[in-house]
Amino acid sequence: MPEQLTKHPDVTLQVLRSAGAQCGEGAPQTILRQCPEKQFCKLPGGEICVYGLPEAVRMTQLTGADWQVVLRGVGPGEAASGSESHHGLLLGGAGVVVGVLVGILAMKLRGR
């Protein structure tokens, strides 16, 4: 089950709730047991843990090697200077993943 990284975790949780997910309600955590309860969502098809940027270091599914792959897409001067562009890359990718998941969930809920 996925962990999601977003700049706006509260908005992401709200969108997931609007699609029928149980978020922050104490639902049983079968797979994502290390996810903080307030960031955990249970859906008919699985579980999601939503992290904001400050909590990114607590994610369990991404390793240091994974973060290095992401940072390789940023020019050396940009990464060293603390540029915001690598944040945009991370957030853009996370946003796409969340969007796809929400779209799939919405299609499943409409099919009921």
C-alpha atoms as a PDB file:
ATOM      1  CA  MET A   1       0.000   0.000   0.000  1.00  0.00           C
ATOM      2  CA  PRO A   2       1.350   3.438  -0.826  1.00  0.00           C
ATOM      3  CA  GLU A   3       2.715   6.269   1.205  1.00  0.00           C
ATOM      4  CA  GLN A   4       1.981   9.641  -0.381  1.00  0.00           C
ATOM      5  CA  LEU A   5       4.050  12.819  -0.089  1.00  0.00           C
ATOM      6  CA  THR A   6       2.352  16.158  -0.614  1.00  0.00           C
ATOM      7  CA  LYS A   7       2.821  19.825   0.225  1.00  0.00           C
ATOM      8  CA  HIS A   8      -0.819  19.940   1.353  1.00  0.00           C
ATOM      9  CA  PRO A   9      -1.600  16.797   3.387  1.00  0.00           C
ATOM     10  CA  ASP A  10      -4.779  18.251   4.910  1.00  0.00           C
ATOM     11  CA  VAL A  11      -6.244  18.949   1.473  1.00  0.00           C
ATOM     12  CA  THR A  12      -5.248  15.479   0.263  1.00  0.00           C
ATOM     13  CA  LEU A  13      -6.933  13.871   3.283  1.00  0.00           C
ATOM     14  CA  GLN A  14     -10.057  15.971   2.656  1.00  0.00           C
ATOM     15  CA  VAL A  15     -10.195  14.854  -0.988  1.00  0.00           C
ATOM     16  CA  LEU A  16      -9.775  11.215   0.022  1.00  0.00           C
ATOM     17  CA  ARG A  17     -12.550  11.572   2.634  1.00  0.00           C
ATOM     18  CA  SER A  18     -14.850  13.120   0.039  1.00  0.00           C
ATOM     19  CA  ALA A  19     -14.338   9.991  -2.056  1.00  0.00           C
ATOM     20  CA  GLY A  20     -15.343   7.730   0.834  1.00  0.00           C
ATOM     21  CA  ALA A  21     -12.019   6.994   2.512  1.00  0.00           C
ATOM     22  CA  GLN A  22     -11.873   6.655   6.299  1.00  0.00           C
ATOM     23  CA  CYS A  23      -9.045   8.998   7.287  1.00  0.00           C
ATOM     24  CA  GLY A  24      -7.831   9.656  10.819  1.00  0.00           C
ATOM     25  CA  GLU A  25     -10.754   7.732  12.305  1.00  0.00           C
ATOM     26  CA  GLY A  26      -8.903   4.884  13.977  1.00  0.00           C
ATOM     27  CA  ALA A  27      -9.581   2.363  11.200  1.00  0.00           C
ATOM     28  CA  PRO A  28      -7.537  -0.840  11.537  1.00  0.00           C
ATOM     29  CA  GLN A  29      -4.090  -0.536   9.938  1.00  0.00           C
ATOM     30  CA  THR A  30      -3.408  -3.890   8.349  1.00  0.00           C
ATOM     31  CA  ILE A  31      -0.380  -3.019   6.218  1.00  0.00           C
ATOM     32  CA  LEU A  32       0.703   0.553   6.984  1.00  0.00           C
ATOM     33  CA  ARG A  33       1.096  -0.038  10.722  1.00  0.00           C
ATOM     34  CA  GLN A  34       3.741   2.658  11.214  1.00  0.00           C
ATOM     35  CA  CYS A  35       1.562   5.376   9.689  1.00  0.00           C
ATOM     36  CA  PRO A  36       0.431   7.977  12.239  1.00  0.00           C
ATOM     37  CA  GLU A  37      -3.320   7.528  12.819  1.00  0.00           C
ATOM     38  CA  LYS A  38      -4.203  11.087  11.753  1.00  0.00           C
ATOM     39  CA  GLN A  39      -2.427  10.543   8.397  1.00  0.00           C
ATOM     40  CA  PHE A  40      -3.867   7.081   7.718  1.00  0.00           C
ATOM     41  CA  CYS A  41      -6.704   6.397   5.255  1.00  0.00           C
ATOM     42  CA  LYS A  42      -8.559   3.120   4.776  1.00  0.00           C
ATOM     43  CA  LEU A  43     -10.223   2.535   1.417  1.00  0.00           C
ATOM     44  CA  PRO A  44     -12.145  -0.435   0.044  1.00  0.00           C
ATOM     45  CA  GLY A  45      -9.131  -1.320  -2.084  1.00  0.00           C
ATOM     46  CA  GLY A  46      -6.383  -0.735   0.453  1.00  0.00           C
ATOM     47  CA  GLU A  47      -4.593   1.778   2.637  1.00  0.00           C
ATOM     48  CA  ILE A  48      -2.820   5.109   2.104  1.00  0.00           C
ATOM     49  CA  CYS A  49      -0.566   7.084   4.423  1.00  0.00           C
ATOM     50  CA  VAL A  50      -0.379  10.800   3.580  1.00  0.00           C
ATOM     51  CA  TYR A  51       2.797  12.663   4.566  1.00  0.00           C
ATOM     52  CA  GLY A  52       3.516  16.380   4.406  1.00  0.00           C
ATOM     53  CA  LEU A  53       6.994  17.628   3.545  1.00  0.00           C
ATOM     54  CA  PRO A  54       8.083  17.946   7.202  1.00  0.00           C
ATOM     55  CA  GLU A  55       7.241  14.264   7.770  1.00  0.00           C
ATOM     56  CA  ALA A  56       9.006  12.987   4.625  1.00  0.00           C
ATOM     57  CA  VAL A  57      11.905  11.612   6.667  1.00  0.00           C
ATOM     58  CA  ARG A  58       9.457   9.315   8.498  1.00  0.00           C
ATOM     59  CA  MET A  59       8.320   7.600   5.302  1.00  0.00           C
ATOM     60  CA  THR A  60       9.193   3.904   5.383  1.00  0.00           C
ATOM     61  CA  GLN A  61       8.901   3.016   1.699  1.00  0.00           C
ATOM     62  CA  LEU A  62      11.536   5.417   0.349  1.00  0.00           C
ATOM     63  CA  THR A  63      15.211   4.777   0.956  1.00  0.00           C
ATOM     64  CA  GLY A  64      18.179   7.096   0.705  1.00  0.00           C
ATOM     65  CA  ALA A  65      18.847   5.595  -2.727  1.00  0.00           C
ATOM     66  CA  ASP A  66      15.316   6.521  -3.844  1.00  0.00           C
ATOM     67  CA  TRP A  67      15.811  10.141  -2.789  1.00  0.00           C
ATOM     68  CA  GLN A  68      19.151  10.199  -4.644  1.00  0.00           C
ATOM     69  CA  VAL A  69      17.386   9.143  -7.859  1.00  0.00           C
ATOM     70  CA  VAL A  70      14.984  12.061  -7.457  1.00  0.00           C
ATOM     71  CA  LEU A  71      17.769  14.523  -6.733  1.00  0.00           C
ATOM     72  CA  ARG A  72      19.750  13.381  -9.786  1.00  0.00           C
ATOM     73  CA  GLY A  73      17.049  15.035 -11.876  1.00  0.00           C
ATOM     74  CA  VAL A  74      18.041  18.384 -10.339  1.00  0.00           C
ATOM     75  CA  GLY A  75      21.151  20.172 -11.547  1.00  0.00           C
ATOM     76  CA  PRO A  76      24.121  20.049  -9.140  1.00  0.00           C
ATOM     77  CA  GLY A  77      24.062  23.785  -8.445  1.00  0.00           C
ATOM     78  CA  GLU A  78      20.355  23.734  -7.761  1.00  0.00           C
ATOM     79  CA  ALA A  79      20.507  20.909  -5.216  1.00  0.00           C
ATOM     80  CA  ALA A  80      23.468  22.457  -3.403  1.00  0.00           C
ATOM     81  CA  SER A  81      21.950  25.948  -3.308  1.00  0.00           C
ATOM     82  CA  GLY A  82      18.739  24.809  -1.622  1.00  0.00           C
ATOM     83  CA  SER A  83      16.683  25.709  -4.662  1.00  0.00           C
ATOM     84  CA  GLU A  84      12.944  25.101  -4.520  1.00  0.00           C
ATOM     85  CA  SER A  85      12.975  23.281  -7.867  1.00  0.00           C
ATOM     86  CA  HIS A  86      13.633  19.860  -6.330  1.00  0.00           C
ATOM     87  CA  HIS A  87      10.603  20.408  -4.098  1.00  0.00           C
ATOM     88  CA  GLY A  88       8.549  21.041  -7.220  1.00  0.00           C
ATOM     89  CA  LEU A  89       9.792  17.816  -8.750  1.00  0.00           C
ATOM     90  CA  LEU A  90       8.880  15.807  -5.659  1.00  0.00           C
ATOM     91  CA  LEU A  91       5.522  17.493  -5.244  1.00  0.00           C
ATOM     92  CA  GLY A  92       4.653  17.191  -8.906  1.00  0.00           C
ATOM     93  CA  GLY A  93       5.316  13.464  -8.883  1.00  0.00           C
ATOM     94  CA  ALA A  94       3.424  12.983  -5.631  1.00  0.00           C
ATOM     95  CA  GLY A  95       0.538  15.066  -6.959  1.00  0.00           C
ATOM     96  CA  VAL A  96       0.277  12.923 -10.061  1.00  0.00           C
ATOM     97  CA  VAL A  97       0.218   9.745  -7.974  1.00  0.00           C
ATOM     98  CA  VAL A  98      -2.439  11.117  -5.615  1.00  0.00           C
ATOM     99  CA  GLY A  99      -4.497  12.343  -8.570  1.00  0.00           C
ATOM    100  CA  VAL A 100      -4.418   8.947 -10.228  1.00  0.00           C
ATOM    101  CA  LEU A 101      -5.378   7.197  -6.989  1.00  0.00           C
ATOM    102  CA  VAL A 102      -8.254   9.589  -6.326  1.00  0.00           C
ATOM    103  CA  GLY A 103      -9.450   9.159  -9.929  1.00  0.00           C
ATOM    104  CA  ILE A 104      -9.410   5.382  -9.625  1.00  0.00           C
ATOM    105  CA  LEU A 105     -11.241   5.563  -6.312  1.00  0.00           C
ATOM    106  CA  ALA A 106     -13.862   7.918  -7.748  1.00  0.00           C
ATOM    107  CA  MET A 107     -14.461   5.600 -10.713  1.00  0.00           C
ATOM    108  CA  LYS A 108     -14.881   2.630  -8.370  1.00  0.00           C
ATOM    109  CA  LEU A 109     -17.313   4.530  -6.166  1.00  0.00           C
ATOM    110  CA  ARG A 110     -19.403   5.636  -9.168  1.00  0.00           C
ATOM    111  CA  GLY A 111     -19.591   2.035 -10.355  1.00  0.00           C
ATOM    112  CA  ARG A 112     -21.352   0.962  -7.150  1.00  0.00           C
END
